[in-house]
Amino acid sequence: MAWEEAQSEKHEYIAGEVFAMAGARRQHVVVSGNKFAAYRSLEALKEYVIVDIAPRRVEFYRRTPENDWLMHEYLADGVCEFSSLGVAVPMAEIFENVSVEIV
């Protein structure tokens, strides 16, 4: 935990491997997909969010009454609606104080 807090980018630890969460590398996509598959089995989970920093995009998955998952994509000046929480957050607030380093 202390190591993670000192890092400039965040990481995920899956099956004994550490994956940096910067960018959309294949490892991260696989980790995210596996994690979402596990989360979908939780009956209480109603919404799942992936924040993509560089393009300033939020992928928002919401469980339907039929138990399917519907994806909403929020871009630019939109407002991200968290129905299960009764909260709406402007994209500007989600990305407030976030800068992307271009290499």
C-alpha atoms as a PDB file:
ATOM      1  CA  MET A   1       0.000   0.000   0.000  1.00  0.00           C
ATOM      2  CA  ALA A   2       2.738   2.490   0.889  1.00  0.00           C
ATOM      3  CA  TRP A   3       4.486   1.758  -2.420  1.00  0.00           C
ATOM      4  CA  GLU A   4       1.291   2.482  -4.394  1.00  0.00           C
ATOM      5  CA  GLU A   5       0.709   5.792  -2.617  1.00  0.00           C
ATOM      6  CA  ALA A   6       4.209   6.958  -3.607  1.00  0.00           C
ATOM      7  CA  GLN A   7       3.709   6.193  -7.328  1.00  0.00           C
ATOM      8  CA  SER A   8       2.822   8.802  -9.930  1.00  0.00           C
ATOM      9  CA  GLU A   9       0.474   6.390 -11.704  1.00  0.00           C
ATOM     10  CA  LYS A  10      -1.924   3.877 -10.190  1.00  0.00           C
ATOM     11  CA  HIS A  11      -1.604   0.116 -10.517  1.00  0.00           C
ATOM     12  CA  GLU A  12      -3.694  -3.024 -10.248  1.00  0.00           C
ATOM     13  CA  TYR A  13      -2.475  -6.291  -8.770  1.00  0.00           C
ATOM     14  CA  ILE A  14      -4.048  -9.289 -10.486  1.00  0.00           C
ATOM     15  CA  ALA A  15      -2.974 -12.927 -10.263  1.00  0.00           C
ATOM     16  CA  GLY A  16       0.468 -12.066  -8.922  1.00  0.00           C
ATOM     17  CA  GLU A  17       1.212  -9.372 -11.513  1.00  0.00           C
ATOM     18  CA  VAL A  18       1.267  -5.574 -11.214  1.00  0.00           C
ATOM     19  CA  PHE A  19      -0.204  -3.590 -14.109  1.00  0.00           C
ATOM     20  CA  ALA A  20       0.176   0.174 -14.505  1.00  0.00           C
ATOM     21  CA  MET A  21      -3.188   1.799 -15.180  1.00  0.00           C
ATOM     22  CA  ALA A  22      -1.836   4.588 -17.405  1.00  0.00           C
ATOM     23  CA  GLY A  23      -3.058   4.432 -20.987  1.00  0.00           C
ATOM     24  CA  ALA A  24      -5.074   1.668 -22.558  1.00  0.00           C
ATOM     25  CA  ARG A  25      -2.470  -1.036 -22.849  1.00  0.00           C
ATOM     26  CA  ARG A  26      -3.652  -4.551 -23.587  1.00  0.00           C
ATOM     27  CA  GLN A  27      -2.851  -5.727 -20.036  1.00  0.00           C
ATOM     28  CA  HIS A  28      -5.069  -3.029 -18.554  1.00  0.00           C
ATOM     29  CA  VAL A  29      -7.912  -3.786 -20.942  1.00  0.00           C
ATOM     30  CA  VAL A  30      -7.727  -7.478 -19.984  1.00  0.00           C
ATOM     31  CA  VAL A  31      -7.560  -6.656 -16.262  1.00  0.00           C
ATOM     32  CA  SER A  32     -10.514  -4.240 -16.540  1.00  0.00           C
ATOM     33  CA  GLY A  33     -12.546  -6.763 -18.522  1.00  0.00           C
ATOM     34  CA  ASN A  34     -11.849  -9.548 -16.025  1.00  0.00           C
ATOM     35  CA  LYS A  35     -12.707  -7.292 -13.115  1.00  0.00           C
ATOM     36  CA  PHE A  36     -15.996  -6.178 -14.705  1.00  0.00           C
ATOM     37  CA  ALA A  37     -16.905  -9.806 -15.387  1.00  0.00           C
ATOM     38  CA  ALA A  38     -16.419 -10.573 -11.685  1.00  0.00           C
ATOM     39  CA  TYR A  39     -18.341  -7.484 -10.576  1.00  0.00           C
ATOM     40  CA  ARG A  40     -21.313  -8.328 -12.818  1.00  0.00           C
ATOM     41  CA  SER A  41     -21.959 -11.374 -10.653  1.00  0.00           C
ATOM     42  CA  LEU A  42     -22.624  -9.135  -7.624  1.00  0.00           C
ATOM     43  CA  GLU A  43     -26.401  -8.735  -7.505  1.00  0.00           C
ATOM     44  CA  ALA A  44     -26.167  -5.528  -5.482  1.00  0.00           C
ATOM     45  CA  LEU A  45     -23.954  -3.808  -8.072  1.00  0.00           C
ATOM     46  CA  LYS A  46     -26.098  -1.451 -10.150  1.00  0.00           C
ATOM     47  CA  GLU A  47     -23.458   0.715 -11.862  1.00  0.00           C
ATOM     48  CA  TYR A  48     -19.827   0.329 -12.922  1.00  0.00           C
ATOM     49  CA  VAL A  49     -17.653   3.216 -14.142  1.00  0.00           C
ATOM     50  CA  ILE A  50     -14.400   3.352 -16.097  1.00  0.00           C
ATOM     51  CA  VAL A  51     -12.693   6.748 -16.327  1.00  0.00           C
ATOM     52  CA  ASP A  52     -10.362   7.149 -19.315  1.00  0.00           C
ATOM     53  CA  ILE A  53      -8.094  10.089 -18.531  1.00  0.00           C
ATOM     54  CA  ALA A  54      -6.393  10.959 -21.842  1.00  0.00           C
ATOM     55  CA  PRO A  55      -9.547  11.329 -23.979  1.00  0.00           C
ATOM     56  CA  ARG A  56     -11.520  12.628 -20.972  1.00  0.00           C
ATOM     57  CA  ARG A  57     -14.155   9.978 -21.373  1.00  0.00           C
ATOM     58  CA  VAL A  58     -16.271   8.074 -18.861  1.00  0.00           C
ATOM     59  CA  GLU A  59     -17.743   4.689 -19.746  1.00  0.00           C
ATOM     60  CA  PHE A  60     -20.704   4.097 -17.499  1.00  0.00           C
ATOM     61  CA  TYR A  61     -22.341   0.669 -17.276  1.00  0.00           C
ATOM     62  CA  ARG A  62     -25.777   0.417 -15.702  1.00  0.00           C
ATOM     63  CA  ARG A  63     -27.684  -2.785 -14.873  1.00  0.00           C
ATOM     64  CA  THR A  64     -31.145  -2.861 -16.459  1.00  0.00           C
ATOM     65  CA  PRO A  65     -34.272  -4.364 -14.827  1.00  0.00           C
ATOM     66  CA  GLU A  66     -33.775  -7.340 -17.191  1.00  0.00           C
ATOM     67  CA  ASN A  67     -30.285  -7.860 -15.647  1.00  0.00           C
ATOM     68  CA  ASP A  68     -28.489  -6.734 -18.818  1.00  0.00           C
ATOM     69  CA  TRP A  69     -25.755  -4.080 -18.796  1.00  0.00           C
ATOM     70  CA  LEU A  70     -26.288  -0.880 -20.751  1.00  0.00           C
ATOM     71  CA  MET A  71     -23.254   1.286 -21.544  1.00  0.00           C
ATOM     72  CA  HIS A  72     -23.413   5.077 -21.605  1.00  0.00           C
ATOM     73  CA  GLU A  73     -20.446   7.097 -22.802  1.00  0.00           C
ATOM     74  CA  TYR A  74     -19.956  10.571 -21.365  1.00  0.00           C
ATOM     75  CA  LEU A  75     -17.679  13.006 -23.186  1.00  0.00           C
ATOM     76  CA  ALA A  76     -16.530  16.618 -22.918  1.00  0.00           C
ATOM     77  CA  ASP A  77     -19.180  18.798 -21.284  1.00  0.00           C
ATOM     78  CA  GLY A  78     -21.659  16.097 -20.316  1.00  0.00           C
ATOM     79  CA  VAL A  79     -22.990  15.251 -16.885  1.00  0.00           C
ATOM     80  CA  CYS A  80     -22.379  11.757 -15.514  1.00  0.00           C
ATOM     81  CA  GLU A  81     -25.574  10.450 -13.876  1.00  0.00           C
ATOM     82  CA  PHE A  82     -25.183   7.991 -10.994  1.00  0.00           C
ATOM     83  CA  SER A  83     -28.809   6.833 -10.782  1.00  0.00           C
ATOM     84  CA  SER A  84     -28.209   4.355  -7.976  1.00  0.00           C
ATOM     85  CA  LEU A  85     -26.811   7.178  -5.830  1.00  0.00           C
ATOM     86  CA  GLY A  86     -29.107   9.935  -7.014  1.00  0.00           C
ATOM     87  CA  VAL A  87     -26.070  12.028  -7.972  1.00  0.00           C
ATOM     88  CA  ALA A  88     -25.100  13.868 -11.155  1.00  0.00           C
ATOM     89  CA  VAL A  89     -21.469  14.955 -11.602  1.00  0.00           C
ATOM     90  CA  PRO A  90     -20.371  17.292 -14.408  1.00  0.00           C
ATOM     91  CA  MET A  91     -17.483  15.959 -16.475  1.00  0.00           C
ATOM     92  CA  ALA A  92     -15.579  19.153 -15.660  1.00  0.00           C
ATOM     93  CA  GLU A  93     -15.587  18.127 -11.979  1.00  0.00           C
ATOM     94  CA  ILE A  94     -14.520  14.553 -12.726  1.00  0.00           C
ATOM     95  CA  PHE A  95     -11.469  15.835 -14.612  1.00  0.00           C
ATOM     96  CA  GLU A  96     -10.788  18.861 -12.408  1.00  0.00           C
ATOM     97  CA  ASN A  97      -7.052  19.234 -11.692  1.00  0.00           C
ATOM     98  CA  VAL A  98      -6.223  16.359 -14.072  1.00  0.00           C
ATOM     99  CA  SER A  99      -3.495  16.895 -16.608  1.00  0.00           C
ATOM    100  CA  VAL A 100      -2.329  14.430 -19.225  1.00  0.00           C
ATOM    101  CA  GLU A 101       1.333  14.173 -20.056  1.00  0.00           C
ATOM    102  CA  ILE A 102       1.926  13.618 -23.777  1.00  0.00           C
ATOM    103  CA  VAL A 103       5.037  11.533 -24.546  1.00  0.00           C
END
